Amino acid sequence: MKTFECKMCGDCCFGEGGIYLEDQESERIALFLQTSHDDFLACFCEERNNRTYLKTGRDNFCIFYEMGTGCAIHPVKPGRCSLWPFYRANVEDEETWEMAKWACRGISRECSFEEFVRQSRLAEK
């Protein structure tokens, strides 16, 4: 049984400022968007807590989420986005996982916590 299959619904793209970029991710996304690294940072990012974060739009979705279409940078999305739902909190705490399971349409409702943890280990590889 597959525990997660992204539905491109945008539920995980909603909310202000939780997606920070790791080294090289901003350069990879800028290249994908065919813009300069400096322009990418100026237009789509903000600095907080010594990290670079993707901005959110007026609708409070990630600036790259397009309603009805999904993620405009899906092929090069940040590692934080690719990791979902296998965030450490979801993998280490069954109660947190239960909340994520009911908040995310892509997580199988029939999947056990143990199977979710097992598949998270496979996703890391």
N, C-alpha and C. Protein backbone atom coordinates (compact mmCIF):
# COMPACT_ATOMS: atom_id res chain seq x y z
N MET A 1 0.84 -1.18 0.00
CA MET A 1 0.00 0.00 0.00
C MET A 1 0.89 1.24 0.00
N LYS A 2 0.57 2.15 -0.88
CA LYS A 2 1.30 3.41 -0.94
C LYS A 2 0.70 4.35 0.11
N THR A 3 1.56 4.90 0.97
CA THR A 3 1.06 5.77 2.03
C THR A 3 0.78 7.19 1.57
N PHE A 4 1.45 7.63 0.51
CA PHE A 4 1.28 9.01 0.07
C PHE A 4 1.37 9.12 -1.45
N GLU A 5 0.45 9.88 -2.01
CA GLU A 5 0.48 10.23 -3.42
C GLU A 5 -0.01 11.67 -3.54
N CYS A 6 0.84 12.57 -3.96
CA CYS A 6 0.50 13.99 -4.04
C CYS A 6 -0.69 14.19 -4.97
N LYS A 7 -1.67 14.94 -4.50
CA LYS A 7 -2.87 15.24 -5.28
C LYS A 7 -2.80 16.63 -5.90
N MET A 8 -1.68 17.35 -5.67
CA MET A 8 -1.49 18.71 -6.19
C MET A 8 -2.64 19.63 -5.79
N CYS A 9 -3.21 19.38 -4.60
CA CYS A 9 -4.36 20.15 -4.13
C CYS A 9 -3.97 21.50 -3.54
N GLY A 10 -2.72 21.63 -3.10
CA GLY A 10 -2.25 22.88 -2.54
C GLY A 10 -2.46 23.03 -1.05
N ASP A 11 -3.05 22.05 -0.40
CA ASP A 11 -3.27 22.17 1.04
C ASP A 11 -1.97 22.42 1.79
N CYS A 12 -0.91 21.75 1.39
CA CYS A 12 0.38 21.93 2.07
C CYS A 12 1.10 23.19 1.60
N CYS A 13 0.56 23.86 0.59
CA CYS A 13 1.15 25.09 0.07
C CYS A 13 0.54 26.33 0.71
N PHE A 14 -0.45 26.11 1.55
CA PHE A 14 -1.15 27.22 2.18
C PHE A 14 -0.52 27.53 3.53
N GLY A 15 -0.37 28.80 3.80
CA GLY A 15 0.18 29.23 5.07
C GLY A 15 1.42 30.05 4.86
N GLU A 16 1.65 30.94 5.75
CA GLU A 16 2.71 31.91 5.55
C GLU A 16 4.08 31.39 5.94
N GLY A 17 4.99 31.47 4.98
CA GLY A 17 6.40 31.42 5.19
C GLY A 17 7.07 30.26 5.87
N GLY A 18 6.73 29.03 5.55
CA GLY A 18 7.41 27.92 6.17
C GLY A 18 8.43 27.23 5.29
N ILE A 19 8.51 27.61 4.03
CA ILE A 19 9.42 26.92 3.12
C ILE A 19 10.71 27.72 2.95
N TYR A 20 11.75 27.19 3.57
CA TYR A 20 13.05 27.83 3.41
C TYR A 20 13.86 27.04 2.40
N LEU A 21 14.83 27.72 1.81
CA LEU A 21 15.64 27.12 0.75
C LEU A 21 17.00 26.71 1.30
N GLU A 22 17.42 25.54 0.92
CA GLU A 22 18.75 25.05 1.25
C GLU A 22 19.74 25.55 0.20
N ASP A 23 21.02 25.33 0.45
CA ASP A 23 22.06 25.72 -0.50
C ASP A 23 21.73 25.18 -1.90
N GLN A 24 21.95 25.98 -2.88
CA GLN A 24 21.80 25.65 -4.29
C GLN A 24 20.35 25.62 -4.78
N GLU A 25 19.36 25.52 -3.89
CA GLU A 25 17.97 25.43 -4.35
C GLU A 25 17.52 26.71 -5.04
N SER A 26 17.91 27.85 -4.53
CA SER A 26 17.48 29.11 -5.15
C SER A 26 18.09 29.26 -6.55
N GLU A 27 19.31 28.81 -6.71
CA GLU A 27 19.95 28.87 -8.03
C GLU A 27 19.28 27.93 -9.01
N ARG A 28 18.92 26.75 -8.55
CA ARG A 28 18.24 25.76 -9.40
C ARG A 28 16.87 26.26 -9.84
N ILE A 29 16.13 26.87 -8.90
CA ILE A 29 14.80 27.39 -9.23
C ILE A 29 14.91 28.58 -10.17
N ALA A 30 15.87 29.47 -9.93
CA ALA A 30 16.08 30.62 -10.82
C ALA A 30 16.38 30.16 -12.24
N LEU A 31 17.22 29.16 -12.37
CA LEU A 31 17.54 28.61 -13.69
C LEU A 31 16.28 28.06 -14.36
N PHE A 32 15.48 27.32 -13.61
CA PHE A 32 14.23 26.77 -14.13
C PHE A 32 13.29 27.87 -14.61
N LEU A 33 13.24 28.98 -13.86
CA LEU A 33 12.38 30.11 -14.21
C LEU A 33 12.99 31.02 -15.27
N GLN A 34 14.20 30.71 -15.66
CA GLN A 34 14.94 31.48 -16.66
C GLN A 34 15.07 32.95 -16.24
N THR A 35 15.50 33.12 -15.00
CA THR A 35 15.74 34.45 -14.46
C THR A 35 17.08 34.45 -13.74
N SER A 36 17.59 35.61 -13.46
CA SER A 36 18.85 35.67 -12.73
C SER A 36 18.61 35.29 -11.26
N HIS A 37 19.66 34.84 -10.64
CA HIS A 37 19.57 34.47 -9.22
C HIS A 37 19.17 35.68 -8.38
N ASP A 38 19.75 36.83 -8.66
CA ASP A 38 19.43 38.05 -7.91
C ASP A 38 17.97 38.46 -8.09
N ASP A 39 17.45 38.37 -9.32
CA ASP A 39 16.05 38.70 -9.58
C ASP A 39 15.12 37.71 -8.88
N PHE A 40 15.49 36.44 -8.90
CA PHE A 40 14.69 35.43 -8.21
C PHE A 40 14.58 35.76 -6.73
N LEU A 41 15.72 36.04 -6.11
CA LEU A 41 15.73 36.36 -4.68
C LEU A 41 14.90 37.61 -4.38
N ALA A 42 15.03 38.62 -5.21
CA ALA A 42 14.31 39.88 -5.00
C ALA A 42 12.80 39.73 -5.18
N CYS A 43 12.38 38.94 -6.14
CA CYS A 43 10.96 38.82 -6.47
C CYS A 43 10.20 37.77 -5.66
N PHE A 44 10.87 36.68 -5.34
CA PHE A 44 10.15 35.52 -4.80
C PHE A 44 10.56 35.09 -3.39
N CYS A 45 11.54 35.77 -2.82
CA CYS A 45 12.07 35.32 -1.53
C CYS A 45 12.14 36.45 -0.52
N GLU A 46 12.29 36.04 0.73
CA GLU A 46 12.52 36.99 1.81
C GLU A 46 13.48 36.36 2.81
N GLU A 47 14.24 37.20 3.46
CA GLU A 47 15.22 36.74 4.45
C GLU A 47 14.62 36.86 5.84
N ARG A 48 14.69 35.78 6.59
CA ARG A 48 14.26 35.76 8.00
C ARG A 48 15.12 34.77 8.75
N ASN A 49 15.48 35.11 9.95
CA ASN A 49 16.22 34.17 10.81
C ASN A 49 17.44 33.58 10.12
N ASN A 50 18.13 34.40 9.35
CA ASN A 50 19.33 33.97 8.63
C ASN A 50 19.07 32.87 7.61
N ARG A 51 17.84 32.81 7.09
CA ARG A 51 17.48 31.84 6.05
C ARG A 51 16.71 32.55 4.95
N THR A 52 16.73 31.95 3.78
CA THR A 52 15.96 32.46 2.65
C THR A 52 14.68 31.64 2.55
N TYR A 53 13.54 32.33 2.59
CA TYR A 53 12.23 31.69 2.53
C TYR A 53 11.51 32.11 1.26
N LEU A 54 10.68 31.21 0.72
CA LEU A 54 9.79 31.59 -0.37
C LEU A 54 8.69 32.47 0.19
N LYS A 55 8.31 33.48 -0.56
CA LYS A 55 7.22 34.35 -0.15
C LYS A 55 5.88 33.64 -0.33
N THR A 56 4.87 34.19 0.32
CA THR A 56 3.50 33.77 0.07
C THR A 56 2.80 34.91 -0.66
N GLY A 57 1.79 34.55 -1.41
CA GLY A 57 1.03 35.56 -2.14
C GLY A 57 -0.05 36.18 -1.28
N ARG A 58 -0.82 37.06 -1.86
CA ARG A 58 -1.93 37.71 -1.13
C ARG A 58 -2.96 36.70 -0.65
N ASP A 59 -3.07 35.59 -1.35
CA ASP A 59 -4.04 34.55 -0.98
C ASP A 59 -3.50 33.64 0.12
N ASN A 60 -2.29 33.91 0.58
CA ASN A 60 -1.62 33.16 1.65
C ASN A 60 -1.12 31.78 1.21
N PHE A 61 -1.11 31.53 -0.10
CA PHE A 61 -0.50 30.32 -0.65
C PHE A 61 0.94 30.65 -1.02
N CYS A 62 1.77 29.64 -1.13
CA CYS A 62 3.12 29.82 -1.65
C CYS A 62 3.02 30.60 -2.96
N ILE A 63 3.96 31.48 -3.17
CA ILE A 63 3.96 32.33 -4.35
C ILE A 63 3.97 31.52 -5.66
N PHE A 64 4.40 30.27 -5.58
CA PHE A 64 4.46 29.43 -6.78
C PHE A 64 3.25 28.50 -6.94
N TYR A 65 2.31 28.54 -6.00
CA TYR A 65 1.12 27.70 -6.14
C TYR A 65 0.08 28.43 -6.99
N GLU A 66 -0.42 27.74 -8.00
CA GLU A 66 -1.44 28.30 -8.88
C GLU A 66 -2.71 27.46 -8.75
N MET A 67 -3.77 28.07 -8.26
CA MET A 67 -5.03 27.39 -8.07
C MET A 67 -5.49 26.73 -9.37
N GLY A 68 -5.82 25.46 -9.29
CA GLY A 68 -6.28 24.73 -10.47
C GLY A 68 -5.17 24.12 -11.30
N THR A 69 -3.95 24.59 -11.11
CA THR A 69 -2.81 24.09 -11.87
C THR A 69 -1.81 23.36 -10.98
N GLY A 70 -1.58 23.90 -9.80
CA GLY A 70 -0.62 23.30 -8.88
C GLY A 70 0.66 24.11 -8.80
N CYS A 71 1.72 23.44 -8.51
CA CYS A 71 3.01 24.08 -8.27
C CYS A 71 3.69 24.45 -9.59
N ALA A 72 4.01 25.72 -9.75
CA ALA A 72 4.65 26.20 -10.98
C ALA A 72 6.11 25.77 -11.08
N ILE A 73 6.69 25.35 -9.95
CA ILE A 73 8.10 24.92 -9.96
C ILE A 73 8.22 23.46 -9.51
N HIS A 74 7.16 22.69 -9.69
CA HIS A 74 7.13 21.31 -9.20
C HIS A 74 8.37 20.49 -9.57
N PRO A 75 8.87 20.56 -10.81
CA PRO A 75 10.05 19.75 -11.15
C PRO A 75 11.31 20.11 -10.35
N VAL A 76 11.35 21.34 -9.80
CA VAL A 76 12.54 21.78 -9.06
C VAL A 76 12.16 22.30 -7.67
N LYS A 77 11.03 21.85 -7.17
CA LYS A 77 10.56 22.37 -5.88
C LYS A 77 11.59 22.12 -4.78
N PRO A 78 11.56 22.97 -3.75
CA PRO A 78 12.52 22.83 -2.66
C PRO A 78 12.43 21.49 -1.94
N GLY A 79 13.53 21.11 -1.34
CA GLY A 79 13.59 19.86 -0.60
C GLY A 79 12.53 19.75 0.48
N ARG A 80 12.21 20.85 1.16
CA ARG A 80 11.17 20.84 2.18
C ARG A 80 9.84 20.39 1.58
N CYS A 81 9.57 20.84 0.39
CA CYS A 81 8.32 20.46 -0.28
C CYS A 81 8.36 18.98 -0.69
N SER A 82 9.49 18.55 -1.21
CA SER A 82 9.63 17.16 -1.65
C SER A 82 9.54 16.18 -0.48
N LEU A 83 9.94 16.63 0.68
CA LEU A 83 9.95 15.77 1.86
C LEU A 83 8.54 15.49 2.39
N TRP A 84 7.61 16.41 2.17
CA TRP A 84 6.24 16.24 2.69
C TRP A 84 5.63 14.95 2.19
N PRO A 85 4.95 14.17 3.01
CA PRO A 85 4.57 14.37 4.41
C PRO A 85 5.55 13.73 5.40
N PHE A 86 6.69 13.34 4.89
CA PHE A 86 7.62 12.59 5.73
C PHE A 86 8.50 13.52 6.59
N TYR A 87 7.88 14.57 7.12
CA TYR A 87 8.58 15.46 8.04
C TYR A 87 8.86 14.71 9.34
N ARG A 88 9.93 15.09 9.97
CA ARG A 88 10.35 14.41 11.20
C ARG A 88 9.23 14.32 12.24
N ALA A 89 8.52 15.41 12.43
CA ALA A 89 7.43 15.42 13.42
C ALA A 89 6.37 14.37 13.09
N ASN A 90 6.05 14.19 11.81
CA ASN A 90 5.04 13.21 11.42
C ASN A 90 5.55 11.78 11.59
N VAL A 91 6.83 11.58 11.38
CA VAL A 91 7.42 10.25 11.46
C VAL A 91 7.69 9.83 12.90
N GLU A 92 7.97 10.79 13.75
CA GLU A 92 8.35 10.47 15.13
C GLU A 92 7.18 10.47 16.11
N ASP A 93 6.07 11.07 15.74
CA ASP A 93 4.96 11.20 16.68
C ASP A 93 3.65 10.78 16.01
N GLU A 94 3.05 9.73 16.51
CA GLU A 94 1.84 9.19 15.89
C GLU A 94 0.68 10.17 15.93
N GLU A 95 0.56 10.95 16.97
CA GLU A 95 -0.53 11.92 17.06
C GLU A 95 -0.37 13.02 16.00
N THR A 96 0.85 13.48 15.82
CA THR A 96 1.12 14.49 14.78
C THR A 96 0.83 13.91 13.41
N TRP A 97 1.23 12.64 13.20
CA TRP A 97 0.95 11.97 11.93
C TRP A 97 -0.56 11.87 11.69
N GLU A 98 -1.33 11.55 12.72
CA GLU A 98 -2.78 11.45 12.58
C GLU A 98 -3.37 12.79 12.13
N MET A 99 -2.86 13.88 12.70
CA MET A 99 -3.35 15.21 12.28
C MET A 99 -2.98 15.47 10.82
N ALA A 100 -1.75 15.12 10.44
CA ALA A 100 -1.32 15.32 9.05
C ALA A 100 -2.15 14.46 8.11
N LYS A 101 -2.44 13.25 8.53
CA LYS A 101 -3.21 12.32 7.69
C LYS A 101 -4.58 12.88 7.35
N TRP A 102 -5.21 13.55 8.30
CA TRP A 102 -6.54 14.09 8.04
C TRP A 102 -6.49 15.48 7.40
N ALA A 103 -5.33 16.12 7.44
CA ALA A 103 -5.19 17.43 6.81
C ALA A 103 -4.75 17.33 5.36
N CYS A 104 -4.14 16.21 4.99
CA CYS A 104 -3.57 16.05 3.65
C CYS A 104 -4.33 14.98 2.88
N ARG A 105 -4.90 15.36 1.75
CA ARG A 105 -5.68 14.41 0.92
C ARG A 105 -4.83 13.32 0.31
N GLY A 106 -3.52 13.55 0.24
CA GLY A 106 -2.63 12.59 -0.40
C GLY A 106 -2.17 11.45 0.49
N ILE A 107 -2.37 11.57 1.80
CA ILE A 107 -1.97 10.50 2.72
C ILE A 107 -3.11 9.49 2.82
N SER A 108 -2.79 8.23 2.63
CA SER A 108 -3.80 7.17 2.68
C SER A 108 -4.43 7.08 4.07
N ARG A 109 -5.74 7.09 4.12
CA ARG A 109 -6.47 6.99 5.40
C ARG A 109 -6.36 5.59 6.01
N GLU A 110 -6.10 4.60 5.16
CA GLU A 110 -6.03 3.22 5.64
C GLU A 110 -4.64 2.83 6.14
N CYS A 111 -3.67 3.64 5.90
CA CYS A 111 -2.29 3.32 6.23
C CYS A 111 -2.05 3.39 7.74
N SER A 112 -1.33 2.43 8.26
CA SER A 112 -0.97 2.44 9.68
C SER A 112 0.24 3.36 9.89
N PHE A 113 0.41 3.80 11.12
CA PHE A 113 1.56 4.64 11.46
C PHE A 113 2.85 3.88 11.19
N GLU A 114 2.88 2.60 11.52
CA GLU A 114 4.08 1.79 11.32
C GLU A 114 4.46 1.71 9.85
N GLU A 115 3.46 1.55 8.98
CA GLU A 115 3.73 1.50 7.55
C GLU A 115 4.20 2.86 7.03
N PHE A 116 3.62 3.91 7.56
CA PHE A 116 4.04 5.26 7.19
C PHE A 116 5.52 5.48 7.54
N VAL A 117 5.91 5.07 8.74
CA VAL A 117 7.30 5.22 9.18
C VAL A 117 8.21 4.39 8.28
N ARG A 118 7.79 3.16 7.96
CA ARG A 118 8.59 2.29 7.08
C ARG A 118 8.78 2.95 5.72
N GLN A 119 7.72 3.48 5.15
CA GLN A 119 7.83 4.09 3.83
C GLN A 119 8.60 5.41 3.87
N SER A 120 8.59 6.08 5.02
CA SER A 120 9.39 7.30 5.13
C SER A 120 10.88 6.97 5.03
N ARG A 121 11.26 5.84 5.56
CA ARG A 121 12.67 5.41 5.47
C ARG A 121 13.03 5.10 4.02
N LEU A 122 12.11 4.53 3.28
CA LEU A 122 12.35 4.24 1.86
C LEU A 122 12.44 5.54 1.06
N ALA A 123 11.64 6.53 1.43
CA ALA A 123 11.64 7.82 0.73
C ALA A 123 12.96 8.56 0.91
N GLU A 124 13.64 8.32 2.02
CA GLU A 124 14.91 8.97 2.29
C GLU A 124 16.01 8.49 1.36
N LYS A 125 15.87 7.29 0.84
CA LYS A 125 16.93 6.67 0.02
C LYS A 125 16.92 7.12 -1.39
